[in-house]
N, C-alpha and C. Protein backbone atom coordinates (compact mmCIF):
# COMPACT_ATOMS: atom_id res chain seq x y z
N UNK A 1 -41.44 10.76 72.24
CA UNK A 1 -41.46 10.26 73.87
C UNK A 1 -40.14 9.25 73.43
N UNK A 2 -39.95 8.32 72.07
CA UNK A 2 -39.10 7.72 72.64
C UNK A 2 -37.98 8.42 72.23
N UNK A 3 -38.13 9.32 71.11
CA UNK A 3 -36.49 10.47 70.95
C UNK A 3 -36.14 10.70 72.16
N UNK A 4 -36.74 11.92 72.89
CA UNK A 4 -36.63 12.43 74.10
C UNK A 4 -36.34 11.78 75.17
N UNK A 5 -36.46 9.88 75.52
CA UNK A 5 -35.93 9.28 76.47
C UNK A 5 -34.66 8.97 76.13
N UNK A 6 -34.34 8.17 74.33
CA UNK A 6 -33.00 8.08 73.85
C UNK A 6 -31.96 9.24 74.02
N UNK A 7 -32.74 10.06 73.89
CA UNK A 7 -31.43 11.57 73.22
C UNK A 7 -30.74 11.77 74.93
N UNK A 8 -31.81 11.48 76.19
CA UNK A 8 -31.22 11.63 77.26
C UNK A 8 -30.29 10.23 77.98
N UNK A 9 -30.40 9.46 77.07
CA UNK A 9 -29.78 8.50 77.45
C UNK A 9 -30.30 7.40 77.93
N UNK A 10 -31.94 7.19 78.43
CA UNK A 10 -32.44 5.96 78.46
C UNK A 10 -32.78 5.03 77.27
N UNK A 11 -33.55 3.73 77.98
CA UNK A 11 -33.77 2.75 76.94
C UNK A 11 -35.16 2.84 76.87
N UNK A 12 -35.53 2.72 76.00
CA UNK A 12 -36.91 2.04 75.59
C UNK A 12 -37.41 1.15 74.76
N UNK A 13 -38.45 0.39 74.84
CA UNK A 13 -38.58 -0.75 73.98
C UNK A 13 -39.99 -0.55 73.43
N UNK A 14 -40.66 -0.57 72.00
CA UNK A 14 -41.82 -0.41 71.44
C UNK A 14 -42.28 -2.19 71.03
N UNK A 15 -43.49 -2.62 71.70
CA UNK A 15 -44.24 -3.61 71.73
C UNK A 15 -45.18 -3.55 71.01
N UNK A 16 -44.93 -4.42 70.04
CA UNK A 16 -46.53 -4.50 69.02
C UNK A 16 -47.04 -3.61 68.35
N UNK A 17 -46.20 -2.93 67.83
CA UNK A 17 -46.14 -1.46 66.97
C UNK A 17 -45.09 -2.06 65.66
N UNK A 18 -45.66 -3.54 64.64
CA UNK A 18 -45.00 -3.44 63.61
C UNK A 18 -44.97 -2.00 62.71
N UNK A 19 -45.17 -1.49 62.57
CA UNK A 19 -45.19 0.23 61.89
C UNK A 19 -45.13 1.20 62.62
N UNK A 20 -44.05 1.00 63.81
CA UNK A 20 -43.14 1.68 64.31
C UNK A 20 -42.49 2.96 63.39
N UNK A 21 -42.58 4.12 63.62
CA UNK A 21 -41.93 5.33 62.75
C UNK A 21 -40.69 5.17 63.18
N UNK A 22 -39.87 4.36 63.05
CA UNK A 22 -38.18 4.62 63.73
C UNK A 22 -37.36 5.92 62.95
N UNK A 23 -37.84 6.14 61.09
CA UNK A 23 -36.83 7.10 60.65
C UNK A 23 -37.41 8.50 61.29
N UNK A 24 -38.77 8.72 61.84
CA UNK A 24 -39.56 9.72 62.30
C UNK A 24 -38.50 10.04 63.70
N UNK A 25 -38.33 9.01 64.39
CA UNK A 25 -37.85 8.90 65.75
C UNK A 25 -36.51 9.52 65.59
N UNK A 26 -35.75 8.93 64.90
CA UNK A 26 -34.16 9.19 64.21
C UNK A 26 -34.35 11.01 63.98
N UNK A 27 -35.07 11.29 63.25
CA UNK A 27 -35.35 12.72 62.73
C UNK A 27 -36.08 13.93 63.89
N UNK A 28 -36.46 13.29 64.83
CA UNK A 28 -36.45 13.83 66.18
C UNK A 28 -35.26 13.63 67.07
N UNK A 29 -34.28 13.03 66.89
CA UNK A 29 -33.18 12.92 67.69
C UNK A 29 -32.99 11.90 68.31
N UNK A 30 -33.86 10.93 68.32
CA UNK A 30 -33.65 9.15 68.66
C UNK A 30 -32.45 8.66 68.43
N UNK A 31 -32.02 8.05 69.75
CA UNK A 31 -30.98 7.08 69.48
C UNK A 31 -31.11 5.39 69.11
N UNK A 32 -31.04 5.10 67.92
CA UNK A 32 -31.70 3.36 67.75
C UNK A 32 -30.87 2.38 68.49
N UNK A 33 -29.88 2.80 69.15
CA UNK A 33 -28.75 1.83 69.86
C UNK A 33 -29.45 1.71 71.24
N UNK A 34 -30.39 2.76 71.44
CA UNK A 34 -31.40 2.65 72.86
C UNK A 34 -32.70 2.05 72.47
N UNK A 35 -33.13 1.62 71.67
CA UNK A 35 -34.45 1.30 71.17
C UNK A 35 -34.89 -0.11 70.70
N UNK A 36 -35.72 -0.78 71.68
CA UNK A 36 -35.51 -2.65 71.11
C UNK A 36 -37.41 -2.28 70.53
N UNK A 37 -36.94 -3.14 69.74
CA UNK A 37 -38.25 -3.05 68.77
C UNK A 37 -39.32 -4.56 69.00
N UNK A 38 -40.29 -5.00 69.48
CA UNK A 38 -40.72 -6.28 69.36
C UNK A 38 -41.95 -5.93 68.67
N UNK A 39 -42.15 -6.38 67.15
CA UNK A 39 -43.52 -6.10 66.63
C UNK A 39 -44.31 -6.66 66.49
N UNK A 40 -44.45 -8.21 66.64
CA UNK A 40 -44.91 -9.19 67.24
C UNK A 40 -44.59 -10.39 68.24
N UNK A 41 -45.27 -9.13 69.25
CA UNK A 41 -45.06 -10.32 70.85
C UNK A 41 -45.68 -11.24 70.70
N UNK A 42 -46.51 -11.75 69.59
CA UNK A 42 -47.11 -13.34 69.94
C UNK A 42 -48.28 -12.70 70.83
N UNK A 43 -49.04 -13.94 71.60
CA UNK A 43 -50.27 -13.71 72.29
C UNK A 43 -50.49 -13.34 73.44
N UNK A 44 -49.42 -12.67 74.13
CA UNK A 44 -49.72 -11.84 75.68
C UNK A 44 -48.69 -10.34 75.21
N UNK A 45 -48.75 -9.70 74.61
CA UNK A 45 -48.10 -8.47 74.60
C UNK A 45 -47.87 -7.89 75.92
N UNK A 46 -48.77 -7.91 76.81
CA UNK A 46 -48.46 -7.68 78.36
C UNK A 46 -47.81 -8.37 78.84
N UNK A 47 -47.48 -9.54 78.98
CA UNK A 47 -46.07 -10.26 79.63
C UNK A 47 -45.12 -9.64 79.16
N UNK A 48 -45.25 -9.42 77.55
CA UNK A 48 -43.88 -9.36 77.16
C UNK A 48 -43.19 -7.61 77.70
N UNK A 49 -44.42 -6.80 77.24
CA UNK A 49 -44.04 -5.60 78.08
C UNK A 49 -43.46 -5.39 79.76
N UNK A 50 -44.55 -6.51 80.52
CA UNK A 50 -44.39 -6.05 82.11
C UNK A 50 -42.39 -6.88 81.99
N UNK A 51 -42.16 -7.79 81.37
CA UNK A 51 -40.43 -8.33 81.35
C UNK A 51 -39.48 -7.32 81.02
N UNK A 52 -40.13 -6.49 80.02
CA UNK A 52 -39.10 -5.91 79.73
C UNK A 52 -39.11 -4.16 80.51
N UNK A 53 -39.66 -4.25 81.34
CA UNK A 53 -39.78 -3.17 82.42
C UNK A 53 -38.49 -3.62 83.16
N UNK A 54 -37.84 -4.24 83.26
CA UNK A 54 -37.07 -4.57 84.15
C UNK A 54 -35.76 -4.10 83.50
N UNK A 55 -35.72 -3.36 82.06
CA UNK A 55 -33.88 -3.23 81.93
C UNK A 55 -34.67 -1.36 80.83
N UNK A 56 -35.94 -0.84 80.80
CA UNK A 56 -36.13 -0.11 80.00
C UNK A 56 -36.55 1.43 81.16
N UNK A 57 -36.43 2.48 80.12
CA UNK A 57 -36.90 3.64 81.02
C UNK A 57 -38.67 3.73 80.46
N UNK A 58 -38.57 3.27 79.70
CA UNK A 58 -39.92 3.37 78.53
C UNK A 58 -40.30 2.29 77.97
N UNK A 59 -41.87 1.58 78.24
CA UNK A 59 -42.14 0.78 77.38
C UNK A 59 -43.72 1.18 76.48
N UNK A 60 -43.41 1.52 75.44
CA UNK A 60 -44.47 1.58 74.55
C UNK A 60 -45.12 0.56 73.91
N UNK A 61 -46.63 0.00 74.68
CA UNK A 61 -46.85 -1.23 74.75
C UNK A 61 -48.40 -0.81 73.29
N UNK A 62 -48.52 -1.47 72.19
CA UNK A 62 -49.48 -1.58 71.49
C UNK A 62 -50.66 -2.81 71.62
N UNK A 63 -51.75 -2.79 72.23
CA UNK A 63 -52.33 -3.38 72.88
C UNK A 63 -53.29 -4.01 71.26
N UNK A 64 -52.89 -3.55 70.50
CA UNK A 64 -53.94 -3.98 68.94
C UNK A 64 -55.56 -4.23 69.40
N UNK A 65 -56.28 -3.50 70.36
CA UNK A 65 -57.72 -3.73 70.32
C UNK A 65 -57.98 -4.34 71.56
N UNK A 66 -57.11 -4.73 72.24
CA UNK A 66 -57.21 -5.34 72.97
C UNK A 66 -57.43 -5.02 74.45
N UNK A 67 -58.14 -5.55 75.62
CA UNK A 67 -58.94 -4.80 76.97
C UNK A 67 -57.83 -5.75 78.05
N UNK A 68 -57.52 -4.99 78.80
CA UNK A 68 -56.40 -5.48 79.73
C UNK A 68 -57.31 -5.50 80.89
N UNK A 69 -57.69 -6.78 82.02
CA UNK A 69 -58.51 -6.75 82.73
C UNK A 69 -57.99 -5.76 83.98
N UNK A 70 -58.70 -5.13 84.76
CA UNK A 70 -58.29 -4.40 86.04
C UNK A 70 -57.36 -4.82 87.34
N UNK A 71 -57.49 -6.33 87.20
CA UNK A 71 -56.39 -7.02 88.13
C UNK A 71 -54.83 -7.10 87.10
N UNK A 72 -55.30 -7.33 86.28
CA UNK A 72 -53.39 -7.46 85.63
C UNK A 72 -52.99 -5.86 85.55
N UNK A 73 -54.09 -4.82 85.11
CA UNK A 73 -53.65 -3.76 84.38
C UNK A 73 -52.90 -3.47 85.56
N UNK A 74 -53.21 -3.41 87.14
CA UNK A 74 -52.86 -3.06 88.47
C UNK A 74 -51.50 -3.60 89.18
N UNK A 75 -51.24 -4.88 88.14
CA UNK A 75 -50.17 -5.84 88.66
C UNK A 75 -49.31 -5.21 87.74
N UNK A 76 -49.08 -5.33 86.57
CA UNK A 76 -48.37 -4.57 85.48
C UNK A 76 -47.95 -2.96 85.84
N UNK A 77 -49.03 -2.24 86.33
CA UNK A 77 -48.80 -0.34 86.77
C UNK A 77 -48.01 -0.64 88.14
N UNK A 78 -48.10 -2.08 88.86
CA UNK A 78 -47.27 -1.60 90.02
C UNK A 78 -45.94 -2.03 89.86
N UNK A 79 -45.87 -3.09 88.72
CA UNK A 79 -44.49 -3.20 88.08
C UNK A 79 -43.58 -2.33 87.50
N UNK A 80 -44.49 -1.44 86.96
CA UNK A 80 -43.47 -0.34 85.79
C UNK A 80 -43.14 0.86 87.39
N UNK A 81 -44.04 1.10 88.30
CA UNK A 81 -43.88 2.05 89.24
C UNK A 81 -42.53 1.26 89.63
N UNK A 82 -42.86 0.08 90.63
CA UNK A 82 -41.32 -0.10 90.73
C UNK A 82 -39.70 -0.49 90.30
N UNK A 83 -39.81 -0.80 89.06
CA UNK A 83 -39.08 -0.32 88.20
C UNK A 83 -38.46 0.44 87.91
N UNK A 84 -39.33 1.81 88.17
CA UNK A 84 -39.16 3.45 87.20
C UNK A 84 -39.40 3.22 86.23
N UNK A 85 -40.15 2.29 85.67
CA UNK A 85 -40.50 2.65 84.03
C UNK A 85 -42.05 3.13 83.88
N UNK A 86 -41.85 3.81 82.23
CA UNK A 86 -42.99 4.29 82.39
C UNK A 86 -43.45 3.58 81.65
N UNK A 87 -44.80 3.24 81.48
CA UNK A 87 -45.50 2.51 80.75
C UNK A 87 -46.72 3.03 79.69
N UNK A 88 -46.82 3.00 78.21
CA UNK A 88 -47.68 3.99 77.65
C UNK A 88 -48.41 2.79 76.81
N UNK A 89 -49.58 2.50 77.00
CA UNK A 89 -50.49 1.46 76.32
C UNK A 89 -51.13 2.16 75.20
N UNK A 90 -51.50 1.71 74.53
CA UNK A 90 -52.07 2.63 72.99
C UNK A 90 -53.01 1.36 72.24
N UNK A 91 -53.94 1.74 71.49
CA UNK A 91 -54.79 0.78 70.85
C UNK A 91 -55.59 0.22 71.95
N UNK A 92 -56.03 0.06 72.84
CA UNK A 92 -56.97 -0.53 73.55
C UNK A 92 -57.09 -0.50 74.88
N UNK A 93 -58.01 -0.81 75.76
CA UNK A 93 -58.23 -0.14 76.69
C UNK A 93 -57.55 -0.66 78.36
N UNK A 94 -56.90 0.43 78.95
CA UNK A 94 -55.98 -0.08 80.51
C UNK A 94 -57.04 0.70 81.25
N UNK A 95 -57.49 -0.23 82.23
CA UNK A 95 -58.08 -0.19 83.38
C UNK A 95 -57.50 1.29 84.35
N UNK A 96 -57.44 2.57 84.93
CA UNK A 96 -56.88 2.56 85.95
C UNK A 96 -55.54 3.72 85.22
N UNK A 97 -55.51 3.93 84.01
CA UNK A 97 -54.62 4.55 83.73
C UNK A 97 -54.78 5.97 83.86
N UNK A 98 -53.54 6.77 84.67
CA UNK A 98 -53.52 7.75 85.05
C UNK A 98 -53.95 8.94 84.43
N UNK A 99 -53.45 8.91 82.75
CA UNK A 99 -53.88 9.73 81.85
C UNK A 99 -54.15 8.96 80.79
N UNK A 100 -55.48 9.55 80.12
CA UNK A 100 -55.53 8.89 78.78
C UNK A 100 -55.78 10.17 77.82
N UNK A 101 -55.30 9.80 76.77
CA UNK A 101 -55.43 11.16 75.51
C UNK A 101 -55.95 10.38 74.32
N UNK A 102 -56.93 10.93 73.81
CA UNK A 102 -57.66 10.44 72.65
C UNK A 102 -56.74 11.68 71.52
N UNK A 103 -56.71 11.01 70.36
CA UNK A 103 -56.38 11.71 69.32
C UNK A 103 -57.14 11.50 67.94
N UNK A 104 -57.91 12.70 67.18
CA UNK A 104 -58.66 12.16 65.90
C UNK A 104 -58.20 13.47 64.68
N UNK A 105 -57.46 12.80 64.05
CA UNK A 105 -57.27 13.50 62.83
C UNK A 105 -58.30 13.98 62.10
N UNK A 106 -58.18 15.72 62.04
CA UNK A 106 -59.41 16.30 61.54
C UNK A 106 -59.45 16.97 59.94
N UNK A 107 -58.19 16.36 59.54
CA UNK A 107 -57.48 17.09 58.34
C UNK A 107 -56.17 17.04 58.13
N UNK A 108 -56.00 17.21 56.74
CA UNK A 108 -54.15 17.29 56.09
C UNK A 108 -54.13 18.48 55.51
N UNK A 109 -53.06 18.86 55.14
CA UNK A 109 -52.53 20.44 54.29
C UNK A 109 -51.48 19.49 53.52
N UNK A 110 -51.60 19.24 52.00
CA UNK A 110 -51.13 18.41 51.53
C UNK A 110 -50.19 19.58 50.16
N UNK A 111 -49.43 18.98 49.68
CA UNK A 111 -48.62 19.53 48.82
C UNK A 111 -48.94 18.54 47.54
N UNK A 112 -49.63 18.78 46.49
CA UNK A 112 -49.40 17.91 45.44
C UNK A 112 -48.54 18.11 44.30
N UNK A 113 -47.82 16.51 44.39
CA UNK A 113 -47.11 16.58 43.46
C UNK A 113 -47.11 16.67 41.83
N UNK A 114 -45.60 16.83 41.16
CA UNK A 114 -46.01 16.61 39.83
C UNK A 114 -46.80 15.50 38.84
N UNK A 115 -46.81 14.46 39.97
CA UNK A 115 -47.49 13.33 39.28
C UNK A 115 -48.82 12.73 39.92
N UNK A 116 -49.51 12.22 39.51
CA UNK A 116 -51.29 12.33 39.90
C UNK A 116 -50.43 11.08 41.22
N UNK A 117 -50.83 11.34 42.89
CA UNK A 117 -50.20 10.40 43.68
C UNK A 117 -49.33 10.16 44.32
N UNK A 118 -48.39 11.32 44.03
CA UNK A 118 -47.44 11.69 44.93
C UNK A 118 -47.63 13.51 45.13
N UNK A 119 -46.96 13.47 46.63
CA UNK A 119 -46.74 14.61 47.16
C UNK A 119 -46.67 14.71 48.50
N UNK A 120 -46.82 15.43 49.34
CA UNK A 120 -45.88 15.70 50.37
C UNK A 120 -46.87 16.27 51.62
N UNK A 121 -46.80 15.37 52.95
CA UNK A 121 -48.42 15.99 54.09
C UNK A 121 -47.37 16.97 54.47
N UNK A 122 -47.78 17.96 54.34
CA UNK A 122 -47.14 19.19 55.32
C UNK A 122 -47.68 19.34 56.64
N UNK A 123 -49.04 19.15 56.80
CA UNK A 123 -49.08 19.47 58.10
C UNK A 123 -50.86 18.29 58.46
N UNK A 124 -50.57 17.91 59.59
CA UNK A 124 -51.94 17.03 59.69
C UNK A 124 -52.93 17.88 60.74
N UNK A 125 -53.67 18.29 60.76
CA UNK A 125 -54.81 18.28 61.69
C UNK A 125 -55.61 17.68 62.71
N UNK A 126 -54.80 17.53 64.09
CA UNK A 126 -55.56 16.82 65.13
C UNK A 126 -56.33 17.44 66.16
N UNK A 127 -57.06 16.69 66.30
CA UNK A 127 -58.00 17.15 67.91
C UNK A 127 -57.77 15.89 68.99
N UNK A 128 -57.54 17.06 70.15
CA UNK A 128 -56.87 15.85 71.00
C UNK A 128 -58.00 16.12 72.35
N UNK A 129 -58.43 15.12 73.02
CA UNK A 129 -58.71 14.84 74.22
C UNK A 129 -58.58 13.96 75.51
N UNK A 130 -57.65 14.79 76.73
CA UNK A 130 -57.21 14.28 77.95
C UNK A 130 -57.95 14.28 78.91
N UNK A 131 -58.21 13.39 79.47
CA UNK A 131 -58.67 13.29 80.68
C UNK A 131 -57.86 12.10 81.67
N UNK A 132 -57.79 12.57 83.11
CA UNK A 132 -57.13 11.69 84.02
C UNK A 132 -57.75 11.64 85.21
N UNK A 133 -56.91 10.75 86.13
CA UNK A 133 -57.97 11.06 87.77
C UNK A 133 -57.80 12.16 88.30
N UNK A 134 -58.82 12.42 88.90
CA UNK A 134 -58.88 13.98 89.29
C UNK A 134 -58.85 15.53 88.57
N UNK A 135 -58.49 15.30 87.54
CA UNK A 135 -58.70 16.30 86.62
C UNK A 135 -60.08 16.43 85.78
N UNK A 136 -60.22 17.63 85.33
CA UNK A 136 -61.55 17.87 84.25
C UNK A 136 -61.19 17.44 82.99
N UNK A 137 -62.10 16.75 82.26
CA UNK A 137 -61.86 16.49 80.57
C UNK A 137 -61.05 17.92 80.00
N UNK A 138 -60.43 17.93 78.99
CA UNK A 138 -60.12 18.85 78.50
C UNK A 138 -59.92 18.66 76.84
N UNK A 139 -60.19 19.28 76.11
CA UNK A 139 -60.11 19.10 74.59
C UNK A 139 -58.96 20.14 74.05
N UNK A 140 -58.81 20.01 73.02
CA UNK A 140 -58.00 20.90 72.07
C UNK A 140 -58.02 20.25 70.59
N UNK A 141 -57.71 20.96 69.88
CA UNK A 141 -58.22 21.21 68.34
C UNK A 141 -56.81 22.11 67.92
N UNK A 142 -56.16 21.83 67.05
CA UNK A 142 -55.05 22.33 65.87
C UNK A 142 -54.44 20.78 64.94
């Protein structure tokens, strides 16, 4: 998503994802000059994300296993909508999300290297489940 947004001229903030795959994003066409990375947002990553919404088109927020209260989720969601910013919360619980995606790795196809411990992942098999308000649950595997 970050690649698509920045390639179209938008700005992205990645909050609370210390291992963000910036090389992969560049390989998909991301413009790193349009991405702000805050790997350690401190004790309140939701507040950091809310402030960044003022100047970003997309904010990717890593919750680190936290749950956000419904009241706070509504307030931050309203701010995102008012600012025209998309909020993508990962790794935690965000009550009232209009769309919830769950992904589970089912397996890998690997090319084994000449030396033990070396090789390349050629394909990752993922099972996806999507649910949303007013929509039936749907699962995909591939």
